[in-house]
C-alpha atoms as a PDB file:
ATOM      1  CA  UNK A   1      -3.362  -4.816  14.127  1.00  0.00           C
ATOM      2  CA  UNK A   2      -1.192  -3.424  11.369  1.00  0.00           C
ATOM      3  CA  UNK A   3      -2.409  -1.105   8.657  1.00  0.00           C
ATOM      4  CA  UNK A   4      -0.106   0.094   5.907  1.00  0.00           C
ATOM      5  CA  UNK A   5      -1.012   3.321   4.141  1.00  0.00           C
ATOM      6  CA  UNK A   6       0.948   4.756   1.229  1.00  0.00           C
ATOM      7  CA  UNK A   7       0.048   8.405   0.709  1.00  0.00           C
ATOM      8  CA  UNK A   8       0.638   9.653  -2.820  1.00  0.00           C
ATOM      9  CA  UNK A   9       2.141  12.948  -1.726  1.00  0.00           C
ATOM     10  CA  UNK A  10       3.214  15.005   1.268  1.00  0.00           C
ATOM     11  CA  UNK A  11      -0.170  16.747   1.558  1.00  0.00           C
ATOM     12  CA  UNK A  12      -2.027  13.430   1.890  1.00  0.00           C
ATOM     13  CA  UNK A  13       0.461  12.356   4.552  1.00  0.00           C
ATOM     14  CA  UNK A  14      -0.097  15.566   6.537  1.00  0.00           C
ATOM     15  CA  UNK A  15      -3.890  15.166   6.352  1.00  0.00           C
ATOM     16  CA  UNK A  16      -3.711  11.539   7.476  1.00  0.00           C
ATOM     17  CA  UNK A  17      -1.448  12.339  10.428  1.00  0.00           C
ATOM     18  CA  UNK A  18      -3.659  15.264  11.456  1.00  0.00           C
ATOM     19  CA  UNK A  19      -6.698  12.955  11.338  1.00  0.00           C
ATOM     20  CA  UNK A  20      -5.016  10.314  13.497  1.00  0.00           C
ATOM     21  CA  UNK A  21      -3.882  12.912  15.997  1.00  0.00           C
ATOM     22  CA  UNK A  22      -7.344  14.528  16.142  1.00  0.00           C
ATOM     23  CA  UNK A  23      -8.817  11.179  17.227  1.00  0.00           C
ATOM     24  CA  UNK A  24      -5.974  10.572  19.712  1.00  0.00           C
ATOM     25  CA  UNK A  25      -4.886   7.388  17.922  1.00  0.00           C
ATOM     26  CA  UNK A  26      -1.530   5.948  18.810  1.00  0.00           C
ATOM     27  CA  UNK A  27       0.483   5.297  15.676  1.00  0.00           C
ATOM     28  CA  UNK A  28       4.008   4.744  14.457  1.00  0.00           C
ATOM     29  CA  UNK A  29       5.613   5.972  11.305  1.00  0.00           C
ATOM     30  CA  UNK A  30       8.252   4.033   9.486  1.00  0.00           C
ATOM     31  CA  UNK A  31      10.080   6.175   6.981  1.00  0.00           C
ATOM     32  CA  UNK A  32      11.228   3.700   4.380  1.00  0.00           C
ATOM     33  CA  UNK A  33      13.237   5.273   1.616  1.00  0.00           C
ATOM     34  CA  UNK A  34      12.356   4.108  -1.866  1.00  0.00           C
ATOM     35  CA  UNK A  35      14.029   5.062  -5.091  1.00  0.00           C
ATOM     36  CA  UNK A  36      12.399   7.291  -7.675  1.00  0.00           C
ATOM     37  CA  UNK A  37      12.038   4.266  -9.955  1.00  0.00           C
ATOM     38  CA  UNK A  38      10.299   2.266  -7.193  1.00  0.00           C
ATOM     39  CA  UNK A  39       7.956   5.176  -6.544  1.00  0.00           C
ATOM     40  CA  UNK A  40       7.115   5.455 -10.260  1.00  0.00           C
ATOM     41  CA  UNK A  41       6.413   1.709 -10.422  1.00  0.00           C
ATOM     42  CA  UNK A  42       4.095   1.861  -7.398  1.00  0.00           C
ATOM     43  CA  UNK A  43       2.181   4.786  -8.868  1.00  0.00           C
ATOM     44  CA  UNK A  44       2.008   3.082 -12.302  1.00  0.00           C
ATOM     45  CA  UNK A  45       0.542  -0.074 -10.769  1.00  0.00           C
ATOM     46  CA  UNK A  46      -1.883   1.920  -8.630  1.00  0.00           C
ATOM     47  CA  UNK A  47      -3.097   3.854 -11.680  1.00  0.00           C
ATOM     48  CA  UNK A  48      -3.419   0.676 -13.731  1.00  0.00           C
ATOM     49  CA  UNK A  49      -5.525  -0.933 -11.003  1.00  0.00           C
ATOM     50  CA  UNK A  50      -7.714   2.171 -10.602  1.00  0.00           C
ATOM     51  CA  UNK A  51      -8.336   2.244 -14.357  1.00  0.00           C
ATOM     52  CA  UNK A  52      -9.427  -1.387 -14.313  1.00  0.00           C
ATOM     53  CA  UNK A  53      -6.496  -2.578 -16.416  1.00  0.00           C
ATOM     54  CA  UNK A  54      -5.450  -5.049 -13.733  1.00  0.00           C
ATOM     55  CA  UNK A  55      -7.443  -6.791 -11.064  1.00  0.00           C
ATOM     56  CA  UNK A  56      -6.769  -8.063  -7.586  1.00  0.00           C
ATOM     57  CA  UNK A  57      -6.337 -11.809  -7.291  1.00  0.00           C
ATOM     58  CA  UNK A  58      -8.277 -13.988  -4.912  1.00  0.00           C
ATOM     59  CA  UNK A  59      -6.137 -14.869  -1.868  1.00  0.00           C
ATOM     60  CA  UNK A  60      -7.251 -18.518  -1.960  1.00  0.00           C
ATOM     61  CA  UNK A  61      -5.982 -18.793  -5.536  1.00  0.00           C
ATOM     62  CA  UNK A  62      -2.607 -17.325  -4.535  1.00  0.00           C
ATOM     63  CA  UNK A  63      -2.284 -19.690  -1.557  1.00  0.00           C
ATOM     64  CA  UNK A  64      -2.981 -22.719  -3.787  1.00  0.00           C
ATOM     65  CA  UNK A  65      -0.237 -21.599  -6.169  1.00  0.00           C
ATOM     66  CA  UNK A  66       2.226 -21.146  -3.313  1.00  0.00           C
ATOM     67  CA  UNK A  67       1.362 -24.521  -1.804  1.00  0.00           C
ATOM     68  CA  UNK A  68       2.058 -26.256  -5.109  1.00  0.00           C
ATOM     69  CA  UNK A  69       5.428 -24.511  -5.404  1.00  0.00           C
ATOM     70  CA  UNK A  70       6.648 -25.007  -1.839  1.00  0.00           C
ATOM     71  CA  UNK A  71       5.378 -28.533  -1.118  1.00  0.00           C
END
C-alpha cells in the first residue's frame, strides 16, 4: 500500500513522523524538492478546494475521458 501525505509545514511533518514512530509503523520518506512556485500552487489549489471553489472529479468520469483520448 502507498499513502502520500503532504504536510503543510515542518511542524506537521514532525507530528506525523512522531505518530508513525509511536505506533512502530515502518515507513519511508522521499524528500522531493519542489520550487517555491510549485509549493505556492499546491497550497493555492488546496485552499481553493477547502473553500469549496473547486470540487473533486469522479474517477469514472476521468477514466472515460482518458479512454476517448488514448483509444
